[in-house]
Protein backbone atom coordinates (compact mmCIF):
# COMPACT_ATOMS: atom_id res chain seq x y z
CA MET A 1 -101.75 86.86 77.96
CA THR A 2 -101.87 90.47 76.74
CA SER A 3 -103.16 91.43 73.30
CA ALA A 4 -99.56 92.04 72.14
CA GLU A 5 -98.50 88.57 73.30
CA LEU A 6 -101.51 86.99 71.59
CA THR A 7 -100.64 88.84 68.38
CA ILE A 8 -97.05 87.54 68.48
CA LEU A 9 -98.32 84.01 69.11
CA PHE A 10 -100.80 84.26 66.21
CA VAL A 11 -98.33 85.74 63.68
CA ALA A 12 -95.50 83.39 64.67
CA THR A 13 -97.75 80.34 64.39
CA ALA A 14 -99.14 81.44 61.02
CA PHE A 15 -95.71 82.04 59.46
CA ALA A 16 -94.28 78.83 60.93
CA ALA A 17 -97.20 76.85 59.45
CA PHE A 18 -96.57 78.47 56.07
CA LEU A 19 -92.87 77.51 56.25
CA LYS A 20 -93.66 73.98 57.38
CA SER A 21 -95.99 73.15 54.50
CA GLY A 22 -94.21 75.30 51.91
CA ALA A 23 -90.60 74.26 52.52
CA GLY A 24 -90.80 71.37 54.97
CA ILE A 25 -88.04 72.93 57.09
CA GLY A 26 -87.35 76.06 59.11
CA ALA A 27 -90.56 76.22 61.14
CA GLY A 28 -88.98 75.15 64.43
CA LEU A 29 -85.93 77.41 64.17
CA PHE A 30 -88.24 80.34 63.42
CA LEU A 31 -90.91 79.54 66.02
CA LEU A 32 -88.62 79.06 69.03
CA PRO A 33 -87.02 82.55 69.07
CA ALA A 34 -90.40 84.09 68.22
CA LEU A 35 -92.10 82.46 71.21
CA SER A 36 -89.13 83.39 73.39
CA LEU A 37 -90.39 86.97 73.08
CA ILE A 38 -93.44 86.09 75.20
CA PHE A 39 -92.32 82.99 77.17
CA ASP A 40 -89.19 82.09 79.10
CA PRO A 41 -86.80 79.91 77.01
CA PHE A 42 -87.81 76.56 78.53
CA LYS A 43 -91.53 77.32 78.25
CA ALA A 44 -91.01 78.52 74.67
CA LEU A 45 -89.25 75.26 73.77
CA ALA A 46 -92.09 73.27 75.35
CA ALA A 47 -94.73 75.38 73.57
CA THR A 48 -93.23 74.59 70.18
CA ALA A 49 -93.79 70.85 70.72
CA PRO A 50 -97.61 70.73 70.33
CA LEU A 51 -97.68 73.56 67.77
CA LEU A 52 -95.12 71.91 65.49
CA LEU A 53 -96.78 68.52 65.92
CA LEU A 54 -100.11 69.97 64.72
CA MET A 55 -98.34 71.68 61.81
CA ASP A 56 -96.68 68.39 60.89
CA ILE A 57 -99.99 66.51 60.88
CA ILE A 58 -101.68 69.10 58.66
CA ALA A 59 -98.63 69.44 56.38
CA VAL A 60 -98.48 65.67 55.88
CA GLY A 61 -102.16 65.79 54.94
CA CYS A 62 -101.46 68.54 52.39
CA HIS A 63 -98.76 66.37 50.77
CA TRP A 64 -100.43 63.00 51.34
CA LYS A 65 -98.63 60.00 49.77
CA ARG A 66 -96.11 62.17 47.93
CA TRP A 67 -93.24 61.03 50.17
CA ILE A 68 -90.40 58.72 49.20
CA ALA A 69 -90.97 54.94 48.91
CA PRO A 70 -91.47 53.06 52.23
CA PRO A 71 -88.21 51.03 52.41
CA VAL A 72 -86.00 54.12 52.46
CA LEU A 73 -88.52 56.15 54.48
CA THR A 74 -88.83 53.40 57.10
CA VAL A 75 -85.07 53.28 57.70
CA MET A 76 -84.84 57.09 57.83
CA ALA A 77 -87.76 57.30 60.28
CA GLY A 78 -86.31 54.60 62.53
CA LEU A 79 -82.92 56.30 62.67
CA SER A 80 -84.63 59.63 63.31
CA VAL A 81 -86.48 58.23 66.34
CA ILE A 82 -83.23 56.77 67.70
CA GLY A 83 -81.67 60.20 67.20
CA VAL A 84 -84.46 61.91 69.16
CA LEU A 85 -83.99 59.50 72.06
CA CYS A 86 -80.22 60.05 72.04
CA GLY A 87 -80.69 63.81 71.78
CA SER A 88 -83.11 63.83 74.71
CA LEU A 89 -80.41 62.23 76.87
CA ALA A 90 -77.50 64.30 75.56
CA VAL A 91 -79.14 67.73 75.61
CA GLN A 92 -79.28 67.68 79.41
CA HIS A 93 -75.47 67.52 79.61
CA LEU A 94 -74.34 69.81 76.77
CA PRO A 95 -74.17 73.62 77.05
CA ALA A 96 -76.75 75.31 74.84
CA ASN A 97 -74.10 77.48 73.16
CA THR A 98 -72.08 74.41 72.18
CA LEU A 99 -75.10 72.93 70.42
CA LYS A 100 -75.85 76.21 68.67
CA THR A 101 -72.25 76.54 67.47
CA VAL A 102 -72.14 73.01 66.04
CA ILE A 103 -75.51 73.42 64.30
CA GLY A 104 -74.57 76.83 62.91
CA VAL A 105 -71.17 75.83 61.54
CA ILE A 106 -72.46 72.65 59.88
CA GLY A 107 -75.49 74.36 58.35
CA VAL A 108 -73.70 77.48 57.08
CA THR A 109 -70.91 75.39 55.54
CA TYR A 110 -73.37 73.09 53.83
CA ALA A 111 -75.57 75.89 52.46
CA LEU A 112 -72.66 77.98 51.17
CA SER A 113 -71.06 74.97 49.50
CA ASN A 114 -74.20 74.58 47.40
CA LEU A 115 -74.81 78.28 46.73
CA LEU A 116 -71.29 79.54 45.91
CA PRO A 117 -69.74 78.86 42.47
CA CYS A 118 -66.69 77.13 43.98
CA ARG A 119 -68.84 74.45 45.67
CA GLY A 120 -65.88 73.43 47.82
CA LEU A 121 -67.77 70.79 49.77
CA HIS A 122 -68.56 68.98 46.54
CA HIS A 123 -64.83 68.71 45.79
CA LEU A 124 -64.33 67.11 49.19
CA THR A 125 -67.25 64.72 48.91
CA ALA A 126 -66.14 63.79 45.40
CA ARG A 127 -63.19 62.03 47.02
CA LEU A 128 -65.54 59.58 48.71
CA PRO A 129 -65.94 56.18 47.05
CA ALA A 130 -68.58 56.46 44.35
CA SER A 131 -70.28 53.33 45.66
CA PHE A 132 -70.80 55.09 49.01
CA ALA A 133 -71.85 58.48 47.64
CA ALA A 134 -74.38 56.84 45.32
CA THR A 135 -76.17 55.10 48.20
CA ALA A 136 -78.71 56.40 50.68
CA ILE A 137 -76.22 56.00 53.57
CA PRO A 138 -75.41 59.76 53.82
CA ALA A 139 -79.17 60.43 53.93
CA TYR A 140 -79.56 57.82 56.67
CA LEU A 141 -76.80 59.42 58.75
CA ALA A 142 -78.38 62.84 58.26
CA SER A 143 -81.75 61.46 59.40
CA PHE A 144 -80.17 60.22 62.64
CA LEU A 145 -78.54 63.62 63.24
CA GLY A 146 -81.85 65.28 62.37
CA GLY A 147 -83.47 63.37 65.20
CA VAL A 148 -80.66 64.27 67.62
CA PHE A 149 -80.86 67.99 66.91
CA ASN A 150 -84.63 68.10 66.50
CA VAL A 151 -84.81 68.02 70.30
CA VAL A 152 -83.74 71.68 70.17
CA ASN A 153 -85.72 72.48 66.99
CA ALA A 154 -82.67 72.27 64.70
CA GLY A 155 -83.24 68.93 63.00
CA SER A 156 -84.54 70.47 59.78
CA VAL A 157 -81.01 71.32 58.59
CA PHE A 158 -80.04 67.64 58.60
CA TYR A 159 -83.37 66.45 57.21
CA ALA A 160 -82.93 68.91 54.34
CA PHE A 161 -79.45 67.50 53.66
CA SER A 162 -80.87 63.98 53.42
CA MET A 163 -83.59 65.14 51.00
CA VAL A 164 -81.14 67.04 48.78
CA HIS A 165 -78.73 64.07 48.73
CA LEU A 166 -81.54 61.83 47.45
CA LYS A 167 -82.30 64.42 44.71
CA LEU A 168 -86.03 64.46 45.39
CA GLU A 169 -88.58 66.48 43.44
CA SER A 170 -89.89 69.54 45.33
CA ARG A 171 -93.17 68.10 46.64
CA VAL A 172 -91.55 64.74 47.47
CA PHE A 173 -88.82 66.68 49.30
CA VAL A 174 -91.36 68.57 51.41
CA ALA A 175 -93.62 65.55 52.01
CA THR A 176 -90.75 63.34 53.17
CA CYS A 177 -89.36 66.08 55.42
CA CYS A 178 -92.79 66.55 56.97
CA VAL A 179 -93.21 62.82 57.66
CA LEU A 180 -89.79 62.51 59.30
CA ILE A 181 -90.25 65.63 61.41
CA LEU A 182 -93.79 64.55 62.36
CA ILE A 183 -92.45 61.28 63.77
CA SER A 184 -89.57 62.91 65.64
CA ASN A 185 -91.77 65.73 66.98
CA PHE A 186 -94.31 63.19 68.24
CA VAL A 187 -91.59 61.40 70.23
CA ARG A 188 -90.32 64.76 71.48
CA ALA A 189 -93.78 65.99 72.54
CA VAL A 190 -94.49 62.78 74.44
CA SER A 191 -91.16 62.99 76.27
CA PHE A 192 -91.77 66.66 77.15
CA PHE A 193 -95.22 65.77 78.52
CA LEU A 194 -93.95 62.82 80.55
CA ASN A 195 -91.12 64.80 82.15
CA GLY A 196 -93.44 67.69 83.06
CA MET A 197 -92.06 70.27 80.62
CA LEU A 198 -95.30 70.40 78.63
CA PRO A 199 -98.26 71.43 80.83
CA PRO A 200 -101.90 70.97 79.69
CA ASP A 201 -102.48 74.72 79.23
CA LEU A 202 -99.89 74.87 76.42
CA ILE A 203 -101.57 71.92 74.70
CA ILE A 204 -104.96 73.66 74.93
CA SER A 205 -103.50 76.89 73.51
CA ALA A 206 -102.05 74.95 70.58
CA LEU A 207 -105.38 73.26 69.85
CA LYS A 208 -107.10 76.66 69.68
CA LEU A 209 -104.72 77.65 66.87
CA ILE A 210 -105.62 74.71 64.60
CA PRO A 211 -107.67 76.91 62.16
CA VAL A 212 -104.71 79.29 61.75
CA ILE A 213 -102.31 76.40 61.20
CA ALA A 214 -104.65 74.76 58.68
CA VAL A 215 -105.13 77.88 56.54
CA PHE A 216 -101.46 78.84 56.33
CA SER A 217 -100.36 75.23 55.81
CA TRP A 218 -102.70 75.04 52.81
CA LEU A 219 -101.24 78.28 51.39
CA GLY A 220 -97.70 76.94 51.77
CA SER A 221 -98.54 73.68 49.98
CA ARG A 222 -100.08 75.56 47.04
CA ILE A 223 -96.97 77.69 46.56
CA VAL A 224 -94.50 74.78 46.56
CA ALA A 225 -96.62 73.02 43.92
CA ARG A 226 -96.00 75.92 41.52
CA CYS A 227 -92.31 76.54 42.29
CA PRO A 228 -89.70 75.45 39.67
CA PRO A 229 -87.36 72.73 41.09
CA ALA A 230 -84.14 74.74 40.63
CA LEU A 231 -85.61 77.82 42.29
CA PHE A 232 -87.05 75.71 45.09
CA ARG A 233 -83.68 74.07 45.79
CA ASN A 234 -81.89 77.45 45.96
CA LEU A 235 -84.58 78.86 48.23
CA VAL A 236 -84.08 75.90 50.56
CA PHE A 237 -80.33 76.54 50.69
CA PHE A 238 -80.87 80.25 51.40
CA LEU A 239 -83.34 79.32 54.13
CA ILE A 240 -80.83 76.92 55.69
CA LEU A 241 -78.14 79.61 55.50
CA ALA A 242 -80.34 82.20 57.20
CA MET A 243 -81.48 79.80 59.94
CA CYS A 244 -77.99 78.55 60.73
CA ALA A 245 -76.35 81.98 60.60
CA LYS A 246 -78.95 83.20 63.10
CA THR A 247 -78.35 80.16 65.31
CA LEU A 248 -74.57 80.64 65.14
CA LEU A 249 -74.78 84.34 66.03
CA SER A 250 -77.03 83.59 69.00
CA ALA A 251 -74.28 81.39 70.48
CA PHE A 252 -72.04 84.42 71.11
């Protein structure tokens, strides 16, 4: 790799690690297009697998035991794994632009409904039976979809929805997101390795970046600990909006 390519890899990894530990979401959707500047698309997707897995491990350590209680977390994790397995099968048969369009439309609609004063989506969801809306079922469904779309690094939008629905405090939000994405990224990395998409040299390159990931993950965790809940929630919605708008535009 040239010095310019190494610089891009270093900067992209550092910022993705900061996002991962600071917000719990967005790292994958940022890292994939960044690595596409130096790798072909399929190699870039494969390269994100070990990098994001390492970020997840360190981020979970930074937010150790701050995640949601095990009964709910266990169901969400199980559905997420099922989603990853389904996504791994489906992604081979769906055009990339179709996936990008679906992800973009869902994410932009969800983010805007929470950021704009009209909050139109809330008027629609208010028509759902209160007994259903008050349960964790919407969060469970979002966890499954998070696993499905995490195959193409877009699961964070759905994981964020599940966290917001459960009305979690900022650090619990991030910790739970990190645990769910860690589990789904582990399944994804193993499947990439077994089908030959993830060669050993990419794994070695990722391991060499552990110090960078560790430092910027720590910085991200310190910032989220000092962020007011209302500000944090709005920042998450803006981040989702930016990620999904970018994904939607890239489909055309």
